[in-house]
Amino acid sequence: MKIVGIIAEYNPFHRGHQFHIEKARALTGADAVIVVMSGDYVQRGMPAIMPKHLRAQMALACGADVVLELPVCYATGSAEYFATGAVSLLDSLGCVDYLCFGSECGNLDVLQKIADILCQEPEHYKLLLQKYLKDGNAFPAARKLALSEYWNGNGLSTQISNEEFAEILDSPNNILGIEYLKALSSLNSSIKPVTITREGAGYHDQTLDIPFSSASAIRQGLQKHEPDSRLSVNVEQAPDIDFILQALPENCHRIFKENYHKCFPVFVDDFSLLLKAKLLTETKESLTKYLDLTPEIANRIITHRNDFLSFSQFCDFIKTKNMTYSRISRCLIHILLGICKCNVPDRAADSRCGYARLLGFRRESSEIFSIIKKQSTIPLITKLPRADENGSGESISSDEIYFHMLRKDIFASDLYESVVTDKYHISFKNEYQKQIVRI
């Protein structure tokens, strides 16, 4: 059986995601599609717009065979940690033949060459990087400048123009694709990479009236139509959602309509009071234990803590030229969820996901589990009580770091559920009560 892996957030699932699944299957000739998906929080340091089981259900309804959850420590990490966690999960299953990802440029050869430079770190490139960092550039900007100069200075610019190269390094899906390729190389994985050119709206495009609207445009549309009242709203009474449905595959319409204003949308500012309460318990010293927190960021948080009005406002308030909104948002979500530097290896390159947690599957594809059971080097978690009992459990690696990762997953999702139940006045279900999605 040929299997293609996809790494995604589906925040939310839309027509472009369905196209990706279909194209991945067609390009690779795969018999099955395994998706590694972020859980209730995403890489920009935000809660997902919809609960993870709902997003998994949409993916399964539109062609995915199995959906696995990316642990929250990776899902909310930098692009490098996100990619390494997800790629290592797919690699450890022992049965995935291809990794198919979208990119703006669609040129796998160029993306691979950039990934090789970053993996091998030639001496000239390292010197250039150090130079641009000393000039006061944030790491992403310094890396981009160093790569561009190295690329031009080593005769690689004959393949693509300087303008095209700069555009590649400015495009989010290209950047993530490069991180996937780096992870495959560092893991010495046998998985073959395949890229497809992203079609339709750009990553940050806010237009909803084109064939493939971006997830960003859908989230923006939902937020614009969010009522001020926090009272529960029946879907019949909720604002008209036809403007959103046109961006979703037809197989998702029923799922969307049945759950709209019953358990989603969820926005980052729904977590504001929780974050403010958490920040009031912290000091400059205690903040530096959290993932991505530097003394400089910790100092800014404490200095401006009294100016906190909301999660999003505080991100805007404390960001600087060298600290982007997304970087600050990731820091704040790590503080809120209690994700510390000790919860992940010091270097992304040293990191491997220690378990695969099942969110959902198609019944007709259940034979995949026999293959995973036979070939995987990590446990497949299907029932949390077995995996989480007694501190290590029979279904999870005894390595302490993986046990703590799983505990963070449980806490993070329970916190998300708490916000959902408060906002929409529904019954609380903890992680142990939630069922795997089967369609």
Protein backbone atom coordinates (compact mmCIF):
# COMPACT_ATOMS: atom_id res chain seq x y z
CA MET A 1 0.00 0.00 0.00
CA LYS A 2 1.34 3.43 -1.00
CA ILE A 3 0.73 6.14 1.60
CA VAL A 4 1.17 9.89 1.26
CA GLY A 5 1.48 12.12 4.30
CA ILE A 6 0.17 15.67 4.62
CA ILE A 7 0.97 18.14 7.40
CA ALA A 8 -1.77 20.68 8.02
CA GLU A 9 -3.66 22.92 10.39
CA TYR A 10 -7.00 23.08 8.52
CA ASN A 11 -7.86 26.29 10.33
CA PRO A 12 -10.52 25.85 8.99
CA PHE A 13 -10.73 23.21 6.25
CA HIS A 14 -11.55 24.75 2.85
CA ARG A 15 -11.63 23.97 -0.88
CA GLY A 16 -7.91 24.47 -1.28
CA HIS A 17 -7.27 21.77 1.33
CA GLN A 18 -9.55 19.34 -0.51
CA PHE A 19 -7.66 20.12 -3.74
CA HIS A 20 -4.37 19.40 -1.92
CA ILE A 21 -5.59 16.00 -0.72
CA GLU A 22 -6.86 15.03 -4.16
CA LYS A 23 -3.72 16.27 -5.91
CA ALA A 24 -1.43 14.52 -3.42
CA ARG A 25 -3.18 11.23 -4.04
CA ALA A 26 -3.08 11.68 -7.82
CA LEU A 27 0.57 12.81 -8.07
CA THR A 28 1.92 9.99 -5.91
CA GLY A 29 -0.50 7.24 -6.88
CA ALA A 30 -1.13 6.73 -3.17
CA ASP A 31 -3.78 4.36 -1.88
CA ALA A 32 -4.22 6.32 1.35
CA VAL A 33 -3.66 9.77 2.86
CA ILE A 34 -2.46 10.23 6.43
CA VAL A 35 -2.77 13.76 7.80
CA VAL A 36 -0.80 15.09 10.76
CA MET A 37 -2.90 18.01 11.98
CA SER A 38 -2.43 20.62 14.69
CA GLY A 39 -4.79 20.11 17.60
CA ASP A 40 -6.66 22.96 19.31
CA TYR A 41 -3.81 25.46 18.85
CA VAL A 42 -1.88 26.47 15.76
CA GLN A 43 1.60 27.55 14.79
CA ARG A 44 0.90 31.29 14.84
CA GLY A 45 0.37 31.03 18.59
CA MET A 46 -3.42 31.09 18.41
CA PRO A 47 -6.31 28.82 19.33
CA ALA A 48 -7.77 27.07 16.29
CA ILE A 49 -10.98 28.63 14.97
CA MET A 50 -12.75 25.25 15.34
CA PRO A 51 -12.20 22.29 17.72
CA LYS A 52 -9.77 19.68 16.46
CA HIS A 53 -12.28 16.81 16.19
CA LEU A 54 -14.52 18.97 13.99
CA ARG A 55 -11.64 19.88 11.70
CA ALA A 56 -10.61 16.21 11.56
CA GLN A 57 -14.17 15.26 10.58
CA MET A 58 -14.08 17.76 7.71
CA ALA A 59 -10.76 16.39 6.46
CA LEU A 60 -12.03 12.81 6.56
CA ALA A 61 -15.22 13.81 4.74
CA CYS A 62 -13.08 15.28 1.96
CA GLY A 63 -10.61 12.49 1.25
CA ALA A 64 -8.24 11.98 4.17
CA ASP A 65 -8.06 8.39 5.46
CA VAL A 66 -6.45 8.96 8.87
CA VAL A 67 -5.96 12.14 10.93
CA LEU A 68 -3.34 12.20 13.67
CA GLU A 69 -2.78 15.02 16.16
CA LEU A 70 0.50 16.93 16.24
CA PRO A 71 1.44 17.43 19.92
CA VAL A 72 0.82 20.97 21.11
CA CYS A 73 4.50 21.54 21.95
CA TYR A 74 5.26 21.23 18.23
CA ALA A 75 2.00 22.69 16.91
CA THR A 76 2.67 26.02 18.66
CA GLY A 77 6.42 26.04 18.04
CA SER A 78 8.55 27.86 15.51
CA ALA A 79 8.37 26.73 11.89
CA GLU A 80 11.43 24.55 12.51
CA TYR A 81 9.92 22.80 15.55
CA PHE A 82 6.52 22.48 13.86
CA ALA A 83 8.07 20.84 10.80
CA THR A 84 10.45 18.59 12.74
CA GLY A 85 7.71 17.30 15.03
CA ALA A 86 5.30 16.58 12.20
CA VAL A 87 7.85 15.05 9.82
CA SER A 88 9.33 12.86 12.56
CA LEU A 89 5.84 11.62 13.42
CA LEU A 90 5.20 10.58 9.81
CA ASP A 91 8.68 9.06 9.51
CA SER A 92 8.27 7.03 12.71
CA LEU A 93 5.09 5.40 11.41
CA GLY A 94 7.35 3.42 9.08
CA CYS A 95 4.76 3.21 6.31
CA VAL A 96 4.61 6.66 4.72
CA ASP A 97 6.11 6.81 1.24
CA TYR A 98 5.61 10.46 0.34
CA LEU A 99 5.20 13.86 1.98
CA CYS A 100 3.17 16.24 -0.17
CA PHE A 101 3.16 19.92 0.74
CA GLY A 102 1.96 23.07 -0.97
CA SER A 103 4.33 25.87 -1.91
CA GLU A 104 4.02 29.16 -3.70
CA CYS A 105 6.93 28.46 -6.08
CA GLY A 106 6.25 24.78 -6.81
CA ASN A 107 9.97 24.24 -7.53
CA LEU A 108 11.16 21.32 -5.39
CA ASP A 109 14.73 21.51 -6.70
CA VAL A 110 15.24 25.12 -5.56
CA LEU A 111 13.54 24.50 -2.20
CA GLN A 112 15.78 21.47 -1.65
CA LYS A 113 18.94 23.46 -2.42
CA ILE A 114 17.94 26.10 0.14
CA ALA A 115 17.19 23.38 2.68
CA ASP A 116 20.61 21.82 2.03
CA ILE A 117 22.36 25.14 2.73
CA LEU A 118 20.49 25.49 6.02
CA CYS A 119 21.23 21.89 6.99
CA GLN A 120 24.90 21.92 6.06
CA GLU A 121 25.57 25.52 7.18
CA PRO A 122 28.65 26.22 5.02
CA GLU A 123 31.21 28.45 6.74
CA HIS A 124 30.57 31.37 4.39
CA TYR A 125 26.84 31.24 5.12
CA LYS A 126 27.44 31.13 8.91
CA LEU A 127 29.68 34.20 8.71
CA LEU A 128 27.04 36.07 6.73
CA LEU A 129 24.36 35.09 9.24
CA GLN A 130 26.48 36.31 12.15
CA LYS A 131 27.11 39.59 10.33
CA TYR A 132 23.42 40.31 9.81
CA LEU A 133 22.53 39.31 13.35
CA LYS A 134 25.19 41.71 14.69
CA ASP A 135 23.60 44.44 12.56
CA GLY A 136 20.49 44.12 14.74
CA ASN A 137 18.27 42.05 12.46
CA ALA A 138 15.85 39.53 13.92
CA PHE A 139 16.85 35.94 13.14
CA PRO A 140 14.32 35.39 10.27
CA ALA A 141 15.43 38.62 8.57
CA ALA A 142 19.13 37.87 9.15
CA ARG A 143 18.72 34.37 7.74
CA LYS A 144 16.97 35.70 4.66
CA LEU A 145 19.71 38.28 4.02
CA ALA A 146 22.47 35.71 4.57
CA LEU A 147 20.82 33.18 2.28
CA SER A 148 20.33 35.73 -0.48
CA GLU A 149 23.95 36.87 -0.37
CA TYR A 150 25.25 33.30 -0.19
CA TRP A 151 22.99 32.23 -3.06
CA ASN A 152 24.18 35.06 -5.30
CA GLY A 153 27.83 34.74 -4.30
CA ASN A 154 28.04 31.05 -5.11
CA GLY A 155 26.66 31.13 -8.62
CA LEU A 156 23.28 29.68 -7.70
CA SER A 157 21.45 32.75 -9.00
CA THR A 158 21.70 31.36 -12.54
CA GLN A 159 18.80 29.00 -11.73
CA ILE A 160 16.36 31.73 -10.67
CA SER A 161 16.56 35.51 -10.55
CA ASN A 162 17.36 37.47 -7.40
CA GLU A 163 13.78 38.73 -7.33
CA GLU A 164 12.37 35.19 -7.55
CA PHE A 165 14.69 34.02 -4.80
CA ALA A 166 13.66 36.87 -2.50
CA GLU A 167 10.01 36.09 -3.18
CA ILE A 168 10.56 32.44 -2.23
CA LEU A 169 11.98 33.48 1.14
CA ASP A 170 9.06 35.86 1.73
CA SER A 171 6.36 33.24 1.14
CA PRO A 172 5.08 31.31 4.18
CA ASN A 173 4.37 28.00 2.47
CA ASN A 174 7.79 28.02 0.80
CA ILE A 175 9.41 28.65 4.18
CA LEU A 176 7.51 25.79 5.78
CA GLY A 177 8.30 23.54 2.83
CA ILE A 178 12.01 24.26 3.31
CA GLU A 179 11.65 23.26 6.96
CA TYR A 180 9.98 19.98 5.94
CA LEU A 181 12.88 19.24 3.59
CA LYS A 182 15.40 20.08 6.32
CA ALA A 183 13.61 17.71 8.70
CA LEU A 184 13.57 14.89 6.15
CA SER A 185 17.33 15.35 5.63
CA SER A 186 18.21 15.53 9.33
CA LEU A 187 16.15 12.41 10.02
CA ASN A 188 17.71 10.65 7.01
CA SER A 189 14.14 9.74 6.13
CA SER A 190 13.16 7.53 3.21
CA ILE A 191 10.00 9.61 2.68
CA LYS A 192 10.03 11.27 -0.74
CA PRO A 193 9.00 14.94 -0.84
CA VAL A 194 6.49 16.18 -3.40
CA THR A 195 5.30 19.76 -3.73
CA ILE A 196 2.30 21.22 -5.49
CA THR A 197 1.92 24.87 -6.44
CA ARG A 198 -0.49 26.71 -4.21
CA GLU A 199 -3.46 27.94 -6.27
CA GLY A 200 -6.01 30.67 -5.64
CA ALA A 201 -5.67 33.07 -2.71
CA GLY A 202 -2.36 33.76 -1.06
CA TYR A 203 -1.71 32.76 2.54
CA HIS A 204 -2.70 36.20 3.90
CA ASP A 205 -5.31 37.02 1.23
CA GLN A 206 -8.60 38.28 2.72
CA THR A 207 -10.77 37.71 -0.39
CA LEU A 208 -13.64 35.25 -0.08
CA ASP A 209 -15.07 35.35 -3.61
CA ILE A 210 -12.44 33.34 -5.47
CA PRO A 211 -12.23 29.55 -6.07
CA PHE A 212 -9.68 28.84 -3.32
CA SER A 213 -10.13 31.35 -0.52
CA SER A 214 -7.45 31.30 2.16
CA ALA A 215 -8.06 30.09 5.70
CA SER A 216 -7.07 33.60 6.79
CA ALA A 217 -9.90 35.10 4.73
CA ILE A 218 -12.41 32.66 6.21
CA ARG A 219 -11.31 33.41 9.77
CA GLN A 220 -11.50 37.13 9.06
CA GLY A 221 -14.99 36.70 7.63
CA LEU A 222 -16.14 34.79 10.69
CA GLN A 223 -14.72 37.42 13.01
CA LYS A 224 -16.45 40.26 11.16
CA HIS A 225 -19.79 38.49 11.63
CA GLU A 226 -19.19 37.64 15.28
CA PRO A 227 -22.02 39.08 17.42
CA ASP A 228 -21.09 41.10 20.47
CA SER A 229 -23.32 39.06 22.75
CA ARG A 230 -21.89 35.93 24.34
CA LEU A 231 -25.29 34.27 24.52
CA SER A 232 -25.72 30.94 22.77
CA VAL A 233 -27.10 31.40 19.25
CA ASN A 234 -29.01 28.83 17.20
CA VAL A 235 -27.69 28.43 13.67
CA GLU A 236 -31.08 29.65 12.33
CA GLN A 237 -30.64 32.89 14.29
CA ALA A 238 -26.95 33.32 13.58
CA PRO A 239 -25.69 35.69 10.89
CA ASP A 240 -25.96 34.49 7.31
CA ILE A 241 -23.09 32.10 6.60
CA ASP A 242 -23.50 31.60 2.84
CA PHE A 243 -20.48 33.87 2.35
CA ILE A 244 -18.40 31.28 4.24
CA LEU A 245 -19.97 28.13 2.80
CA GLN A 246 -18.90 29.11 -0.72
CA ALA A 247 -15.29 28.71 0.40
CA LEU A 248 -15.86 25.22 1.84
CA PRO A 249 -16.23 21.86 0.07
CA GLU A 250 -19.85 20.70 -0.12
CA ASN A 251 -19.05 17.72 2.10
CA CYS A 252 -18.27 20.19 4.90
CA HIS A 253 -21.44 22.30 4.66
CA ARG A 254 -23.55 20.16 6.98
CA ILE A 255 -20.77 19.84 9.55
CA PHE A 256 -20.24 23.60 9.48
CA LYS A 257 -23.91 24.54 9.74
CA GLU A 258 -24.71 22.06 12.51
CA ASN A 259 -21.90 23.36 14.72
CA TYR A 260 -21.74 27.06 13.86
CA HIS A 261 -22.33 29.15 16.98
CA LYS A 262 -22.63 25.96 19.01
CA CYS A 263 -18.93 25.18 19.47
CA PHE A 264 -17.19 27.61 17.14
CA PRO A 265 -15.85 30.11 16.10
CA VAL A 266 -13.18 30.49 18.76
CA PHE A 267 -10.91 33.55 18.72
CA VAL A 268 -7.72 34.40 20.52
CA ASP A 269 -9.39 37.14 22.56
CA ASP A 270 -11.71 34.55 24.06
CA PHE A 271 -8.61 33.56 26.07
CA SER A 272 -7.79 37.09 27.26
CA LEU A 273 -8.90 36.83 30.87
CA LEU A 274 -7.19 33.45 31.30
CA LEU A 275 -3.95 34.91 29.98
CA LYS A 276 -4.17 38.04 32.16
CA ALA A 277 -4.70 35.91 35.28
CA LYS A 278 -1.68 33.77 34.34
CA LEU A 279 0.56 36.80 33.71
CA LEU A 280 -0.30 38.21 37.14
CA THR A 281 1.32 35.15 38.73
CA GLU A 282 4.62 35.49 36.82
CA THR A 283 7.91 37.33 37.35
CA LYS A 284 10.68 38.26 34.92
CA GLU A 285 12.63 35.27 36.17
CA SER A 286 9.79 32.75 35.98
CA LEU A 287 8.79 33.78 32.46
CA THR A 288 12.14 32.76 30.99
CA LYS A 289 11.40 29.09 31.68
CA TYR A 290 8.74 29.05 28.94
CA LEU A 291 9.49 28.00 25.38
CA ASP A 292 10.63 30.87 23.12
CA LEU A 293 10.80 33.36 26.01
CA THR A 294 14.00 35.42 26.13
CA PRO A 295 14.88 37.76 29.04
CA GLU A 296 14.12 40.69 26.72
CA ILE A 297 10.59 39.45 25.97
CA ALA A 298 10.01 38.58 29.64
CA ASN A 299 11.04 42.08 30.64
CA ARG A 300 8.65 43.68 28.12
CA ILE A 301 5.77 41.52 29.32
CA ILE A 302 6.26 42.43 32.97
CA THR A 303 6.95 46.11 32.23
CA HIS A 304 3.74 46.47 30.22
CA ARG A 305 1.55 43.95 32.06
CA ASN A 306 -0.69 46.72 33.45
CA ASP A 307 -1.46 47.86 29.91
CA PHE A 308 -3.04 44.49 29.07
CA LEU A 309 -6.54 44.83 27.56
CA SER A 310 -6.83 41.68 25.46
CA PHE A 311 -4.66 38.90 24.04
CA SER A 312 -4.46 40.45 20.57
CA GLN A 313 -4.01 44.01 21.86
CA PHE A 314 -1.13 42.91 24.10
CA CYS A 315 0.63 41.16 21.19
CA ASP A 316 0.41 44.37 19.19
CA PHE A 317 1.51 46.44 22.15
CA ILE A 318 4.71 44.57 23.00
CA LYS A 319 5.90 43.53 19.54
CA THR A 320 8.94 45.35 18.19
CA LYS A 321 10.87 45.56 14.94
CA ASN A 322 12.85 42.48 15.94
CA MET A 323 10.00 40.58 17.60
CA THR A 324 7.08 39.85 15.30
CA TYR A 325 3.43 39.55 16.30
CA SER A 326 3.53 35.80 15.69
CA ARG A 327 6.64 35.39 17.85
CA ILE A 328 4.99 37.27 20.72
CA SER A 329 1.74 35.35 20.27
CA ARG A 330 3.61 32.03 20.46
CA CYS A 331 5.34 33.19 23.63
CA LEU A 332 2.03 34.15 25.24
CA ILE A 333 0.33 30.89 24.29
CA HIS A 334 3.28 28.97 25.76
CA ILE A 335 2.88 30.91 29.00
CA LEU A 336 -0.87 30.25 29.06
CA LEU A 337 -0.46 26.52 28.38
CA GLY A 338 2.59 26.12 30.61
CA ILE A 339 4.84 24.87 27.80
CA CYS A 340 8.38 25.17 29.11
CA LYS A 341 11.77 24.84 27.46
CA CYS A 342 12.25 21.56 29.30
CA ASN A 343 9.22 20.10 27.47
CA VAL A 344 11.10 19.85 24.15
CA PRO A 345 14.73 19.14 23.20
CA ASP A 346 17.01 22.18 23.05
CA ARG A 347 17.45 21.90 19.29
CA ALA A 348 14.70 21.11 16.80
CA ALA A 349 17.14 18.83 14.97
CA ASP A 350 17.35 16.62 18.08
CA SER A 351 13.59 16.33 18.38
CA ARG A 352 11.41 13.38 17.46
CA CYS A 353 7.73 12.99 18.14
CA GLY A 354 7.34 10.09 20.59
CA TYR A 355 3.74 9.05 19.90
CA ALA A 356 0.95 9.32 17.36
CA ARG A 357 -2.46 10.18 18.73
CA LEU A 358 -5.43 9.22 16.57
CA LEU A 359 -8.12 11.87 16.03
CA GLY A 360 -10.16 10.13 13.33
CA PHE A 361 -10.26 7.71 10.42
CA ARG A 362 -12.42 6.35 7.63
CA ARG A 363 -13.74 2.88 8.45
CA GLU A 364 -12.93 1.67 4.95
CA SER A 365 -9.27 2.55 5.60
CA SER A 366 -8.86 0.70 8.90
CA GLU A 367 -6.32 -1.70 7.38
CA ILE A 368 -3.78 1.12 7.71
CA PHE A 369 -3.69 0.47 11.45
CA SER A 370 -2.41 -3.07 10.89
CA ILE A 371 0.44 -1.64 8.83
CA ILE A 372 1.23 1.02 11.44
CA LYS A 373 1.16 -1.53 14.26
CA LYS A 374 3.63 -3.70 12.36
CA GLN A 375 6.03 -1.01 11.15
CA SER A 376 5.80 1.98 13.52
CA THR A 377 8.56 2.72 16.02
CA ILE A 378 6.22 4.84 18.17
CA PRO A 379 2.91 3.92 19.84
CA LEU A 380 -0.41 4.78 18.24
CA ILE A 381 -2.62 6.20 20.99
CA THR A 382 -6.29 5.45 20.52
CA LYS A 383 -7.47 5.58 24.15
CA LEU A 384 -6.10 8.21 26.49
CA PRO A 385 -6.69 6.33 29.76
CA ARG A 386 -4.35 3.54 28.64
CA ALA A 387 -1.75 5.99 27.40
CA ASP A 388 -1.79 8.33 30.36
CA GLU A 389 -2.10 6.04 33.36
CA ASN A 390 0.62 5.68 36.01
CA GLY A 391 3.12 8.13 34.56
CA SER A 392 4.26 6.21 31.53
CA GLY A 393 1.54 3.81 30.44
CA GLU A 394 1.62 0.74 28.29
CA SER A 395 0.91 2.62 25.06
CA ILE A 396 3.48 5.39 25.21
CA SER A 397 7.24 5.63 25.35
CA SER A 398 8.64 5.55 28.86
CA ASP A 399 10.79 8.56 27.96
CA GLU A 400 9.69 11.22 30.43
CA ILE A 401 9.64 14.06 27.91
CA TYR A 402 7.00 12.31 25.81
CA PHE A 403 4.82 11.65 28.83
CA HIS A 404 4.93 15.34 29.70
CA MET A 405 4.11 16.24 26.08
CA LEU A 406 0.99 14.12 26.26
CA ARG A 407 -0.01 15.71 29.55
CA LYS A 408 0.38 19.13 27.91
CA ASP A 409 -1.86 17.99 25.04
CA ILE A 410 -4.56 16.98 27.51
CA PHE A 411 -4.35 20.17 29.55
CA ALA A 412 -4.28 22.41 26.45
CA SER A 413 -7.36 20.79 24.95
CA ASP A 414 -9.23 20.87 28.26
CA LEU A 415 -8.48 24.59 28.52
CA TYR A 416 -9.75 25.12 24.98
CA GLU A 417 -12.89 23.15 25.81
CA SER A 418 -13.40 25.33 28.89
CA VAL A 419 -13.46 28.44 26.72
CA VAL A 420 -15.85 26.82 24.24
CA THR A 421 -18.27 25.69 26.95
CA ASP A 422 -18.24 29.11 28.59
CA LYS A 423 -18.77 30.96 25.31
CA TYR A 424 -21.53 28.75 23.94
CA HIS A 425 -23.07 27.48 27.20
CA ILE A 426 -22.65 23.79 26.42
CA SER A 427 -21.60 20.85 28.58
CA PHE A 428 -17.91 20.35 29.24
CA LYS A 429 -16.28 17.20 27.88
CA ASN A 430 -12.70 16.51 28.90
CA GLU A 431 -10.19 14.76 26.66
CA TYR A 432 -10.97 11.37 28.15
CA GLN A 433 -14.63 11.69 27.17
CA LYS A 434 -14.12 12.67 23.54
CA GLN A 435 -14.53 9.98 20.91
CA ILE A 436 -12.36 9.27 17.89
CA VAL A 437 -14.05 10.47 14.71
CA ARG A 438 -15.19 7.60 12.48
CA ILE A 439 -16.89 8.09 9.15
